[in-house]
Amino acid sequence: MCLIVTIIMIVLSIQNLMHAHWFVGGVQLIIALGFLALLLRNIIAVRNEKQGCSTTGCGMTDWFTNLFKKKEN
């Protein structure tokens, strides 16, 4: 899902920036970068989980992991 939203928002952002709609294109670019960050975080977390690493180690910084940490009930 993140990949689809990222691609769509990047395409829309490029189109708006080409038509000189700077504000709308900039907002869409920020949204696309946010979804790209979530996508990369998920890829790294799954890779670390498969390797048996904790989510705070194996190349991920603590502040980035804690930013998107799941809430456990």
N, C-alpha and C. Protein backbone atom coordinates (compact mmCIF):
# COMPACT_ATOMS: atom_id res chain seq x y z
N MET A 1 0.82 -1.19 0.00
CA MET A 1 0.00 0.00 0.00
C MET A 1 0.87 1.26 0.00
N CYS A 2 1.92 1.25 0.84
CA CYS A 2 2.80 2.42 0.89
C CYS A 2 3.47 2.67 -0.45
N LEU A 3 3.82 1.59 -1.13
CA LEU A 3 4.48 1.73 -2.43
C LEU A 3 3.55 2.38 -3.45
N ILE A 4 2.29 1.96 -3.46
CA ILE A 4 1.32 2.51 -4.41
C ILE A 4 1.08 3.99 -4.13
N VAL A 5 0.87 4.33 -2.87
CA VAL A 5 0.62 5.73 -2.51
C VAL A 5 1.85 6.59 -2.82
N THR A 6 3.05 6.05 -2.55
CA THR A 6 4.27 6.80 -2.82
C THR A 6 4.40 7.09 -4.31
N ILE A 7 4.19 6.09 -5.14
CA ILE A 7 4.31 6.28 -6.60
C ILE A 7 3.28 7.28 -7.10
N ILE A 8 2.04 7.15 -6.65
CA ILE A 8 0.98 8.05 -7.11
C ILE A 8 1.28 9.49 -6.68
N MET A 9 1.71 9.68 -5.44
CA MET A 9 1.98 11.03 -4.95
C MET A 9 3.20 11.64 -5.63
N ILE A 10 4.20 10.85 -5.95
CA ILE A 10 5.37 11.38 -6.67
C ILE A 10 4.97 11.81 -8.08
N VAL A 11 4.16 11.00 -8.75
CA VAL A 11 3.71 11.36 -10.11
C VAL A 11 2.87 12.63 -10.07
N LEU A 12 1.94 12.72 -9.12
CA LEU A 12 1.11 13.92 -9.02
C LEU A 12 1.96 15.14 -8.67
N SER A 13 2.94 14.95 -7.81
CA SER A 13 3.83 16.05 -7.42
C SER A 13 4.62 16.56 -8.62
N ILE A 14 5.17 15.65 -9.40
CA ILE A 14 5.94 16.06 -10.58
C ILE A 14 5.05 16.80 -11.56
N GLN A 15 3.83 16.32 -11.78
CA GLN A 15 2.92 16.99 -12.69
C GLN A 15 2.58 18.40 -12.22
N ASN A 16 2.30 18.54 -10.93
CA ASN A 16 1.96 19.87 -10.41
C ASN A 16 3.16 20.81 -10.43
N LEU A 17 4.34 20.29 -10.14
CA LEU A 17 5.53 21.14 -10.19
C LEU A 17 5.85 21.57 -11.62
N MET A 18 5.59 20.71 -12.59
CA MET A 18 5.80 21.07 -13.99
C MET A 18 4.82 22.16 -14.46
N HIS A 19 3.64 22.20 -13.86
CA HIS A 19 2.63 23.21 -14.20
C HIS A 19 2.73 24.43 -13.30
N ALA A 20 3.80 24.52 -12.53
CA ALA A 20 4.09 25.67 -11.66
C ALA A 20 3.09 25.83 -10.52
N HIS A 21 2.50 24.73 -10.08
CA HIS A 21 1.67 24.74 -8.88
C HIS A 21 2.57 24.33 -7.72
N TRP A 22 3.35 25.28 -7.23
CA TRP A 22 4.43 24.99 -6.29
C TRP A 22 3.93 24.48 -4.95
N PHE A 23 2.90 25.10 -4.41
CA PHE A 23 2.43 24.71 -3.08
C PHE A 23 1.84 23.30 -3.09
N VAL A 24 0.96 23.03 -4.03
CA VAL A 24 0.32 21.71 -4.11
C VAL A 24 1.37 20.65 -4.42
N GLY A 25 2.27 20.93 -5.33
CA GLY A 25 3.33 19.98 -5.67
C GLY A 25 4.26 19.72 -4.50
N GLY A 26 4.55 20.75 -3.74
CA GLY A 26 5.41 20.59 -2.57
C GLY A 26 4.76 19.75 -1.49
N VAL A 27 3.46 19.99 -1.25
CA VAL A 27 2.74 19.20 -0.25
C VAL A 27 2.68 17.74 -0.67
N GLN A 28 2.41 17.49 -1.93
CA GLN A 28 2.36 16.11 -2.42
C GLN A 28 3.73 15.44 -2.34
N LEU A 29 4.78 16.20 -2.57
CA LEU A 29 6.13 15.65 -2.47
C LEU A 29 6.46 15.30 -1.02
N ILE A 30 6.05 16.14 -0.08
CA ILE A 30 6.27 15.85 1.34
C ILE A 30 5.50 14.59 1.75
N ILE A 31 4.28 14.46 1.28
CA ILE A 31 3.48 13.26 1.58
C ILE A 31 4.15 12.02 1.00
N ALA A 32 4.64 12.13 -0.24
CA ALA A 32 5.31 10.99 -0.87
C ALA A 32 6.57 10.61 -0.11
N LEU A 33 7.33 11.58 0.36
CA LEU A 33 8.54 11.28 1.12
C LEU A 33 8.20 10.65 2.47
N GLY A 34 7.10 11.06 3.08
CA GLY A 34 6.66 10.45 4.32
C GLY A 34 6.30 8.98 4.13
N PHE A 35 5.56 8.67 3.07
CA PHE A 35 5.22 7.28 2.81
C PHE A 35 6.45 6.48 2.41
N LEU A 36 7.42 7.11 1.75
CA LEU A 36 8.66 6.43 1.42
C LEU A 36 9.44 6.09 2.69
N ALA A 37 9.44 6.99 3.67
CA ALA A 37 10.10 6.71 4.95
C ALA A 37 9.44 5.54 5.66
N LEU A 38 8.10 5.50 5.64
CA LEU A 38 7.39 4.37 6.26
C LEU A 38 7.69 3.06 5.53
N LEU A 39 7.77 3.12 4.21
CA LEU A 39 8.08 1.93 3.42
C LEU A 39 9.47 1.41 3.73
N LEU A 40 10.44 2.31 3.79
CA LEU A 40 11.81 1.91 4.10
C LEU A 40 11.92 1.36 5.52
N ARG A 41 11.20 1.97 6.45
CA ARG A 41 11.21 1.48 7.83
C ARG A 41 10.65 0.07 7.91
N ASN A 42 9.57 -0.20 7.17
CA ASN A 42 8.99 -1.54 7.17
C ASN A 42 9.94 -2.56 6.55
N ILE A 43 10.60 -2.20 5.47
CA ILE A 43 11.55 -3.11 4.82
C ILE A 43 12.70 -3.45 5.76
N ILE A 44 13.25 -2.45 6.41
CA ILE A 44 14.37 -2.67 7.32
C ILE A 44 13.93 -3.49 8.53
N ALA A 45 12.74 -3.21 9.07
CA ALA A 45 12.25 -3.96 10.23
C ALA A 45 12.02 -5.43 9.89
N VAL A 46 11.45 -5.71 8.73
CA VAL A 46 11.21 -7.10 8.33
C VAL A 46 12.54 -7.82 8.09
N ARG A 47 13.48 -7.14 7.46
CA ARG A 47 14.79 -7.75 7.22
C ARG A 47 15.49 -8.06 8.54
N ASN A 48 15.42 -7.14 9.49
CA ASN A 48 16.04 -7.38 10.79
C ASN A 48 15.34 -8.51 11.55
N GLU A 49 14.02 -8.57 11.43
CA GLU A 49 13.28 -9.63 12.12
C GLU A 49 13.63 -11.00 11.55
N LYS A 50 13.80 -11.09 10.24
CA LYS A 50 14.16 -12.36 9.62
C LYS A 50 15.58 -12.77 9.99
N GLN A 51 16.47 -11.80 10.23
CA GLN A 51 17.83 -12.11 10.61
C GLN A 51 17.96 -12.39 12.10
N GLY A 52 16.91 -12.17 12.85
CA GLY A 52 16.94 -12.43 14.28
C GLY A 52 17.44 -11.26 15.10
N CYS A 53 17.52 -10.09 14.51
CA CYS A 53 17.98 -8.91 15.24
C CYS A 53 16.79 -8.24 15.93
N SER A 54 17.09 -7.48 16.96
CA SER A 54 16.05 -6.67 17.58
C SER A 54 15.79 -5.46 16.69
N THR A 55 14.66 -4.80 16.91
CA THR A 55 14.34 -3.65 16.07
C THR A 55 15.20 -2.44 16.39
N THR A 56 15.90 -2.45 17.51
CA THR A 56 16.74 -1.31 17.85
C THR A 56 18.17 -1.49 17.37
N GLY A 57 18.49 -2.63 16.79
CA GLY A 57 19.85 -2.87 16.32
C GLY A 57 19.90 -3.13 14.83
N CYS A 58 21.01 -3.61 14.38
CA CYS A 58 21.20 -4.03 12.99
C CYS A 58 21.00 -2.90 11.98
N GLY A 59 21.51 -1.75 12.25
CA GLY A 59 21.49 -0.67 11.27
C GLY A 59 20.40 0.37 11.42
N MET A 60 19.44 0.15 12.29
CA MET A 60 18.39 1.15 12.48
C MET A 60 18.72 1.97 13.72
N THR A 61 18.57 3.25 13.63
CA THR A 61 18.83 4.09 14.79
C THR A 61 17.64 4.06 15.75
N ASP A 62 17.89 4.27 17.01
CA ASP A 62 16.84 4.18 18.03
C ASP A 62 15.77 5.25 17.86
N TRP A 63 16.18 6.46 17.48
CA TRP A 63 15.18 7.53 17.39
C TRP A 63 14.22 7.27 16.25
N PHE A 64 14.69 6.66 15.15
CA PHE A 64 13.82 6.39 14.01
C PHE A 64 12.87 5.23 14.33
N THR A 65 13.38 4.23 15.02
CA THR A 65 12.55 3.08 15.40
C THR A 65 11.48 3.50 16.41
N ASN A 66 11.86 4.31 17.39
CA ASN A 66 10.89 4.75 18.40
C ASN A 66 9.86 5.70 17.84
N LEU A 67 10.17 6.36 16.73
CA LEU A 67 9.23 7.28 16.10
C LEU A 67 8.00 6.53 15.57
N PHE A 68 8.23 5.33 15.04
CA PHE A 68 7.13 4.54 14.44
C PHE A 68 6.87 3.26 15.23
N LYS A 69 7.06 3.29 16.54
CA LYS A 69 6.93 2.10 17.37
C LYS A 69 5.46 1.72 17.54
N LYS A 70 5.20 0.41 17.51
CA LYS A 70 3.84 -0.09 17.73
C LYS A 70 3.47 0.01 19.19
N LYS A 71 2.21 0.31 19.44
CA LYS A 71 1.72 0.35 20.82
C LYS A 71 1.22 -1.05 21.17
N GLU A 72 1.72 -1.57 22.27
CA GLU A 72 1.30 -2.89 22.72
C GLU A 72 0.30 -2.74 23.86
N ASN A 73 -0.77 -3.50 23.78
CA ASN A 73 -1.82 -3.42 24.81
C ASN A 73 -1.53 -4.36 25.93
